[in-house]
Amino acid sequence: MRRDGFTFVEILIVMIIIGVIAALGIPRIRDAIEKQNVRSTRAALGILVAKARAVAVDRGCRSTLYVTSGTNGRAWVAACRTGGPGRDTIGGVEQLAERFGVTITAGRDSIAFDPRGLAAQFQTTVIHFQSGGIRDSVVINPLGKVVR
């Protein structure tokens, strides 16, 4: 007599093996995702600093990078209007904390750049971000360049 299929014991052993593999692999995957989110936040902030410097030089006026702290942290660049008085937000407001699932802690809420592309305050600014146990930061030197 021929039997097709698997016995209950065989299926149970396969399910146990899958459970053990998942129990070992899921925490590593979660840590890798958190690490990548923190790295992506660092890269996005570096790009925004470069954008603020470039806009100041291009438009010949002061531009400012604004950063809000917390789990709903945002960042955006504002500069003078090209055709009249007032200020423009350049490229929109980036919802960094929500997009990457991080908590942002800014040393200062704004960094101004003069028309030469230099930081107007001549102070080092550090912006920290964290997701789970992973922490990183962006350091903006007194000249306005990202050094880490």
Protein backbone atom coordinates (compact mmCIF):
# COMPACT_ATOMS: atom_id res chain seq x y z
CA MET A 1 0.00 0.00 0.00
CA ARG A 2 1.38 3.42 -1.03
CA ARG A 3 0.94 6.60 1.07
CA ASP A 4 1.13 10.14 -0.31
CA GLY A 5 2.01 13.18 1.82
CA PHE A 6 3.82 13.75 5.09
CA THR A 7 3.15 12.45 8.55
CA PHE A 8 2.26 14.76 11.40
CA VAL A 9 5.66 14.21 13.04
CA GLU A 10 7.51 15.24 9.86
CA ILE A 11 5.47 18.43 9.55
CA LEU A 12 5.99 19.19 13.25
CA ILE A 13 9.78 18.83 12.91
CA VAL A 14 9.84 21.20 9.90
CA MET A 15 7.73 23.77 11.81
CA ILE A 16 10.11 23.61 14.80
CA ILE A 17 13.13 24.14 12.53
CA ILE A 18 11.45 27.15 10.87
CA GLY A 19 10.63 28.58 14.32
CA VAL A 20 14.23 28.26 15.52
CA ILE A 21 15.59 29.92 12.38
CA ALA A 22 13.05 32.77 12.71
CA ALA A 23 13.87 33.26 16.41
CA LEU A 24 17.56 33.64 15.58
CA GLY A 25 17.16 35.74 12.43
CA ILE A 26 14.43 38.30 13.22
CA PRO A 27 16.40 40.25 15.89
CA ARG A 28 19.36 40.54 13.52
CA ILE A 29 17.14 41.78 10.72
CA ARG A 30 15.52 44.34 13.05
CA ASP A 31 18.94 45.61 14.19
CA ALA A 32 20.12 45.88 10.58
CA ILE A 33 17.03 47.89 9.66
CA GLU A 34 17.52 50.25 12.63
CA LYS A 35 21.18 50.73 11.73
CA GLN A 36 20.28 51.51 8.12
CA ASN A 37 17.60 54.00 9.22
CA VAL A 38 20.13 55.85 11.39
CA ARG A 39 22.65 55.92 8.52
CA SER A 40 19.97 57.21 6.15
CA THR A 41 19.05 59.99 8.58
CA ARG A 42 22.71 61.01 8.79
CA ALA A 43 22.95 61.11 4.99
CA ALA A 44 19.72 63.10 4.64
CA LEU A 45 20.91 65.72 7.15
CA GLY A 46 24.25 65.97 5.36
CA ILE A 47 22.41 66.64 2.11
CA LEU A 48 20.27 69.33 3.76
CA VAL A 49 23.38 71.09 5.12
CA ALA A 50 24.92 71.04 1.65
CA LYS A 51 21.68 72.37 0.18
CA ALA A 52 21.55 75.23 2.70
CA ARG A 53 25.15 76.20 1.93
CA ALA A 54 24.57 76.00 -1.84
CA VAL A 55 21.39 78.09 -1.69
CA ALA A 56 23.17 80.80 0.32
CA VAL A 57 25.94 81.01 -2.26
CA ASP A 58 23.60 80.76 -5.26
CA ARG A 59 21.14 83.41 -4.08
CA GLY A 60 23.74 85.66 -2.44
CA CYS A 61 21.82 85.91 0.83
CA ARG A 62 21.59 84.16 4.18
CA SER A 63 19.95 80.73 4.26
CA THR A 64 18.98 78.76 7.34
CA LEU A 65 18.70 75.05 8.10
CA TYR A 66 15.98 74.46 10.69
CA VAL A 67 15.88 71.23 12.72
CA THR A 68 13.23 70.23 15.27
CA SER A 69 13.93 67.61 17.92
CA GLY A 70 11.94 64.61 19.09
CA THR A 71 10.10 61.68 17.57
CA ASN A 72 8.41 64.03 15.10
CA GLY A 73 11.66 65.80 14.18
CA ARG A 74 11.74 67.69 10.91
CA ALA A 75 14.32 69.61 8.92
CA TRP A 76 14.02 72.21 6.19
CA VAL A 77 15.98 74.96 4.47
CA ALA A 78 14.74 78.54 4.11
CA ALA A 79 16.32 81.41 2.19
CA CYS A 80 15.48 84.80 0.73
CA ARG A 81 13.08 84.96 -2.19
CA THR A 82 14.66 85.45 -5.57
CA GLY A 83 12.03 87.87 -6.82
CA GLY A 84 11.15 89.99 -3.82
CA PRO A 85 10.97 90.34 -0.07
CA GLY A 86 10.32 87.43 2.28
CA ARG A 87 11.68 83.90 2.58
CA ASP A 88 11.15 80.65 0.65
CA THR A 89 11.26 77.10 1.96
CA ILE A 90 13.64 75.28 -0.37
CA GLY A 91 12.56 71.75 -1.29
CA GLY A 92 9.86 71.34 1.35
CA VAL A 93 9.91 70.12 4.93
CA GLU A 94 11.57 66.73 5.46
CA GLN A 95 9.80 64.57 8.07
CA LEU A 96 13.03 62.78 9.00
CA ALA A 97 11.99 61.22 12.31
CA GLU A 98 8.78 59.82 10.88
CA ARG A 99 10.34 58.67 7.61
CA PHE A 100 13.26 56.83 9.20
CA GLY A 101 11.76 55.96 12.60
CA VAL A 102 14.37 57.81 14.63
CA THR A 103 14.44 60.31 17.49
CA ILE A 104 16.30 63.52 16.68
CA THR A 105 18.10 65.68 19.27
CA ALA A 106 19.43 68.91 17.82
CA GLY A 107 22.09 70.97 19.59
CA ARG A 108 20.52 74.10 18.07
CA ASP A 109 17.23 74.56 16.27
CA SER A 110 18.74 76.50 13.36
CA ILE A 111 22.02 76.94 11.53
CA ALA A 112 22.41 80.04 9.38
CA PHE A 113 24.77 80.25 6.40
CA ASP A 114 26.05 83.52 4.96
CA PRO A 115 26.36 84.27 1.21
CA ARG A 116 29.85 82.74 1.20
CA GLY A 117 28.42 79.39 2.38
CA LEU A 118 29.96 79.68 5.84
CA ALA A 119 28.07 79.12 9.08
CA ALA A 120 27.14 82.55 10.39
CA GLN A 121 27.49 81.68 14.09
CA PHE A 122 30.97 80.05 13.83
CA GLN A 123 29.98 77.34 16.34
CA THR A 124 30.15 73.58 16.14
CA THR A 125 26.67 72.05 16.01
CA VAL A 126 25.89 68.42 16.77
CA ILE A 127 22.62 66.74 15.79
CA HIS A 128 22.07 63.32 17.36
CA PHE A 129 19.61 60.66 16.24
CA GLN A 130 18.69 57.30 17.70
CA SER A 131 16.63 54.28 16.79
CA GLY A 132 16.43 51.51 19.36
CA GLY A 133 19.96 50.99 20.64
CA ILE A 134 21.65 52.50 17.55
CA ARG A 135 22.92 56.09 17.88
CA ASP A 136 24.74 58.37 15.48
CA SER A 137 25.24 62.08 14.89
CA VAL A 138 26.06 64.77 12.38
CA VAL A 139 28.72 67.29 13.37
CA ILE A 140 28.73 70.63 11.56
CA ASN A 141 31.98 72.50 12.13
CA PRO A 142 32.24 76.28 12.73
CA LEU A 143 32.69 76.86 8.99
CA GLY A 144 29.45 75.07 8.17
CA LYS A 145 30.80 71.80 6.76
CA VAL A 146 29.69 68.36 7.85
CA VAL A 147 32.73 66.67 9.37
CA ARG A 148 30.99 63.53 10.65
